[in-house]
């Protein structure tokens, strides 16, 4: 099977053995805890910056970030589980194109994006257990501030919180009868509006929509 060949290649790179590793069998009531290092890669699509309701010819982009993440999965039965994903990231927003392109990075914001997914785990009794999931995300932006060439010009800045859908796919690969390696990728629908008030009313809509790549380890309790 192609997926087993691909996973075997990953295991070989990690110095692990598919054949010798005993299987961790998921059961109803299991709590799975994973710790990952994740890279948040925005696939952003920006509207135009508007000043007092008049659109300029400039947009914005959101930079990527790499941070630790922890998640908890409760197994409803041996195949179905509910996962809560918790992470904290920090992102910059930069102007792109047009008259404002020379400003560069103008906003820094911290992001808390808890995500809840319903997962289906294939081959629950195997030492290689792929899964897929879908669910909902809530993204809270906080500690927003102007930075770079516009630093200190205004304290009245806000990024609107977001609700959106999420999808994921991944695989758990046993190391021994207690621990496993996890590979995971998610797509999260995140839309926000940045609003700055300092005499002028400045707004821009942005579809952030990141792909989140993760690698880590986990254990079943």
Protein backbone atom coordinates (compact mmCIF):
# COMPACT_ATOMS: atom_id res chain seq x y z
CA UNK A 1 0.00 0.00 0.00
CA UNK A 2 1.35 3.43 -0.99
CA UNK A 3 0.67 5.10 2.35
CA UNK A 4 2.62 2.40 4.18
CA UNK A 5 5.57 2.86 1.82
CA UNK A 6 5.51 6.61 2.43
CA UNK A 7 5.28 6.21 6.19
CA UNK A 8 8.05 3.61 6.12
CA UNK A 9 10.28 6.18 4.41
CA UNK A 10 9.52 8.70 7.18
CA UNK A 11 10.29 6.10 9.82
CA UNK A 12 13.55 5.20 8.13
CA UNK A 13 14.55 8.87 8.17
CA UNK A 14 13.73 8.99 11.89
CA UNK A 15 15.68 5.82 12.58
CA UNK A 16 12.56 3.84 13.56
CA UNK A 17 11.38 0.38 12.53
CA UNK A 18 7.89 -0.40 11.25
CA UNK A 19 8.29 -4.15 11.63
CA UNK A 20 9.67 -4.30 15.17
CA UNK A 21 7.34 -1.74 16.73
CA UNK A 22 4.37 -3.09 18.71
CA UNK A 23 0.98 -1.55 18.01
CA UNK A 24 -0.82 0.85 20.35
CA UNK A 25 -4.48 -0.09 20.04
CA UNK A 26 -6.92 2.80 20.55
CA UNK A 27 -9.99 2.07 22.65
CA UNK A 28 -13.12 3.97 23.74
CA UNK A 29 -12.29 6.33 26.59
CA UNK A 30 -8.58 6.74 25.72
CA UNK A 31 -7.08 10.21 26.09
CA UNK A 32 -4.38 10.92 23.53
CA UNK A 33 -2.01 13.79 24.26
CA UNK A 34 0.29 15.12 21.53
CA UNK A 35 2.93 17.83 21.57
CA UNK A 36 3.94 19.26 18.22
CA UNK A 37 6.10 21.91 16.64
CA UNK A 38 3.89 23.65 14.10
CA UNK A 39 4.48 26.03 11.23
CA UNK A 40 1.55 28.33 10.41
CA UNK A 41 1.74 29.26 6.73
CA UNK A 42 -0.95 31.84 5.79
CA UNK A 43 -2.41 31.50 2.30
CA UNK A 44 -3.59 35.07 2.62
CA UNK A 45 -5.78 37.02 0.22
CA UNK A 46 -6.18 40.66 1.13
CA UNK A 47 -8.70 43.30 0.24
CA UNK A 48 -7.57 46.87 -0.35
CA UNK A 49 -6.70 49.19 2.50
CA UNK A 50 -9.37 51.87 2.86
CA UNK A 51 -8.90 55.30 4.45
CA UNK A 52 -12.11 57.05 5.56
CA UNK A 53 -14.06 54.73 3.28
CA UNK A 54 -11.90 55.36 0.20
CA UNK A 55 -9.98 52.32 -1.09
CA UNK A 56 -6.28 52.65 -1.84
CA UNK A 57 -4.34 50.46 -4.28
CA UNK A 58 -2.49 48.68 -1.44
CA UNK A 59 -3.15 45.34 0.26
CA UNK A 60 -1.58 43.44 3.15
CA UNK A 61 0.02 40.05 3.80
CA UNK A 62 0.41 37.99 6.99
CA UNK A 63 3.73 36.36 7.85
CA UNK A 64 4.27 32.77 9.00
CA UNK A 65 5.27 31.60 12.47
CA UNK A 66 6.68 28.45 14.08
CA UNK A 67 5.63 27.58 17.63
CA UNK A 68 4.92 24.62 19.96
CA UNK A 69 1.38 23.25 20.15
CA UNK A 70 -0.45 20.78 22.39
CA UNK A 71 -3.62 18.87 21.63
CA UNK A 72 -5.91 16.42 23.38
CA UNK A 73 -7.98 13.70 21.69
CA UNK A 74 -10.74 11.80 23.45
CA UNK A 75 -11.59 8.52 21.74
CA UNK A 76 -15.34 7.91 21.47
CA UNK A 77 -14.60 4.41 20.22
CA UNK A 78 -11.57 2.76 18.59
CA UNK A 79 -12.00 4.77 15.36
CA UNK A 80 -13.74 8.03 16.23
CA UNK A 81 -12.18 10.75 18.37
CA UNK A 82 -12.66 14.43 19.26
CA UNK A 83 -9.54 16.59 19.28
CA UNK A 84 -8.99 20.01 20.88
CA UNK A 85 -5.98 21.84 19.46
CA UNK A 86 -4.36 24.58 21.55
CA UNK A 87 -1.60 26.91 20.35
CA UNK A 88 -0.41 30.48 20.61
CA UNK A 89 1.27 32.25 17.71
CA UNK A 90 2.61 35.70 16.85
CA UNK A 91 2.18 37.28 13.40
CA UNK A 92 3.15 40.42 11.58
CA UNK A 93 1.05 42.14 8.92
CA UNK A 94 2.84 43.95 6.11
CA UNK A 95 1.65 46.26 3.37
CA UNK A 96 1.99 44.99 -0.20
CA UNK A 97 1.94 46.78 -3.53
CA UNK A 98 0.63 50.24 -4.27
CA UNK A 99 1.31 53.51 -2.49
CA UNK A 100 1.73 51.93 0.96
CA UNK A 101 4.09 49.11 -0.02
CA UNK A 102 7.15 50.90 1.34
CA UNK A 103 5.80 50.78 4.91
CA UNK A 104 6.68 47.09 5.31
CA UNK A 105 5.57 45.39 8.54
CA UNK A 106 3.05 47.68 10.23
CA UNK A 107 1.09 45.48 12.69
CA UNK A 108 2.11 42.81 15.18
CA UNK A 109 -0.57 40.67 16.82
CA UNK A 110 -0.75 37.62 19.04
CA UNK A 111 -3.16 34.88 18.01
CA UNK A 112 -4.99 32.23 20.05
CA UNK A 113 -6.74 29.80 17.63
CA UNK A 114 -8.38 26.90 19.57
CA UNK A 115 -9.71 24.32 17.11
CA UNK A 116 -12.09 21.41 17.72
CA UNK A 117 -12.22 18.55 15.21
CA UNK A 118 -14.03 15.23 14.88
CA UNK A 119 -11.53 12.62 13.66
CA UNK A 120 -11.75 9.20 12.06
CA UNK A 121 -8.74 6.96 12.73
CA UNK A 122 -7.97 4.21 10.23
CA UNK A 123 -6.21 0.97 11.21
CA UNK A 124 -6.78 1.61 14.92
CA UNK A 125 -4.97 -1.62 15.91
CA UNK A 126 -1.94 -1.03 13.69
CA UNK A 127 1.39 0.60 14.49
CA UNK A 128 0.67 3.11 11.69
CA UNK A 129 -2.66 4.88 12.17
CA UNK A 130 -3.69 7.53 9.61
CA UNK A 131 -6.59 9.83 10.42
CA UNK A 132 -8.69 12.62 8.93
CA UNK A 133 -10.71 15.26 10.73
CA UNK A 134 -13.00 18.24 10.28
CA UNK A 135 -14.36 20.80 12.69
CA UNK A 136 -14.52 24.41 13.77
CA UNK A 137 -12.00 27.08 14.69
CA UNK A 138 -12.27 30.22 16.80
CA UNK A 139 -9.39 32.68 16.42
CA UNK A 140 -8.84 35.44 18.98
CA UNK A 141 -6.43 38.28 18.13
CA UNK A 142 -4.94 40.21 21.05
CA UNK A 143 -2.10 42.53 22.04
CA UNK A 144 -2.30 44.23 18.64
CA UNK A 145 0.15 47.08 18.10
CA UNK A 146 1.59 49.19 15.33
CA UNK A 147 5.22 48.56 14.54
CA UNK A 148 8.01 49.51 12.16
CA UNK A 149 7.67 52.89 10.47
CA UNK A 150 4.20 53.50 11.99
CA UNK A 151 5.08 52.44 15.55
CA UNK A 152 3.43 54.64 18.18
CA UNK A 153 1.19 56.54 15.77
CA UNK A 154 -1.99 55.09 17.33
CA UNK A 155 -3.01 52.91 20.26
CA UNK A 156 -6.48 52.34 18.80
CA UNK A 157 -5.99 49.20 16.74
CA UNK A 158 -8.13 46.08 16.60
CA UNK A 159 -8.18 42.81 14.65
CA UNK A 160 -11.62 41.22 14.51
CA UNK A 161 -11.95 37.70 15.94
CA UNK A 162 -12.88 34.92 13.52
CA UNK A 163 -15.02 31.77 13.35
CA UNK A 164 -14.34 29.27 10.57
CA UNK A 165 -14.11 25.65 9.48
CA UNK A 166 -11.04 23.45 9.82
CA UNK A 167 -9.87 20.25 8.12
CA UNK A 168 -6.94 18.01 8.96
CA UNK A 169 -5.10 14.82 8.04
CA UNK A 170 -2.30 13.05 9.82
CA UNK A 171 -0.75 9.83 11.01
CA UNK A 172 0.43 8.36 14.33
CA UNK A 173 3.49 6.09 14.05
CA UNK A 174 4.44 3.93 17.04
CA UNK A 175 7.90 4.21 18.59
CA UNK A 176 7.17 1.63 21.30
CA UNK A 177 4.10 0.39 23.20
CA UNK A 178 3.61 3.81 24.89
CA UNK A 179 4.87 6.56 22.59
CA UNK A 180 4.35 7.48 18.96
CA UNK A 181 5.49 10.04 16.38
CA UNK A 182 2.81 12.29 14.90
CA UNK A 183 2.69 14.04 11.51
CA UNK A 184 -0.22 16.41 10.94
CA UNK A 185 -1.47 19.03 8.49
CA UNK A 186 -4.49 21.31 8.85
CA UNK A 187 -6.29 23.94 6.81
CA UNK A 188 -8.05 26.61 8.88
CA UNK A 189 -10.49 29.21 7.57
CA UNK A 190 -9.58 32.52 9.27
CA UNK A 191 -10.91 35.91 8.13
CA UNK A 192 -10.32 39.19 9.93
CA UNK A 193 -10.65 42.94 9.57
CA UNK A 194 -7.86 45.20 10.83
CA UNK A 195 -9.15 48.55 12.04
CA UNK A 196 -6.93 51.50 12.98
CA UNK A 197 -8.31 54.82 14.22
CA UNK A 198 -6.05 57.85 14.55
CA UNK A 199 -7.95 60.81 13.16
CA UNK A 200 -8.45 58.79 9.97
CA UNK A 201 -10.44 55.55 9.89
CA UNK A 202 -8.22 52.85 8.31
CA UNK A 203 -9.52 49.35 7.54
CA UNK A 204 -8.49 46.27 5.58
CA UNK A 205 -10.10 42.84 5.24
CA UNK A 206 -7.82 39.79 5.08
CA UNK A 207 -8.47 36.10 4.47
CA UNK A 208 -5.59 34.49 6.38
CA UNK A 209 -6.55 30.81 5.76
CA UNK A 210 -3.34 29.15 6.97
CA UNK A 211 -2.03 25.68 6.28
CA UNK A 212 -0.58 24.37 9.55
CA UNK A 213 2.21 21.78 9.32
CA UNK A 214 3.07 19.84 12.46
CA UNK A 215 5.44 17.14 13.73
CA UNK A 216 5.64 15.87 17.27
CA UNK A 217 5.23 13.01 19.71
CA UNK A 218 2.26 11.63 21.61
CA UNK A 219 1.12 9.20 24.25
CA UNK A 220 -2.12 7.41 25.11
CA UNK A 221 -3.51 7.61 28.66
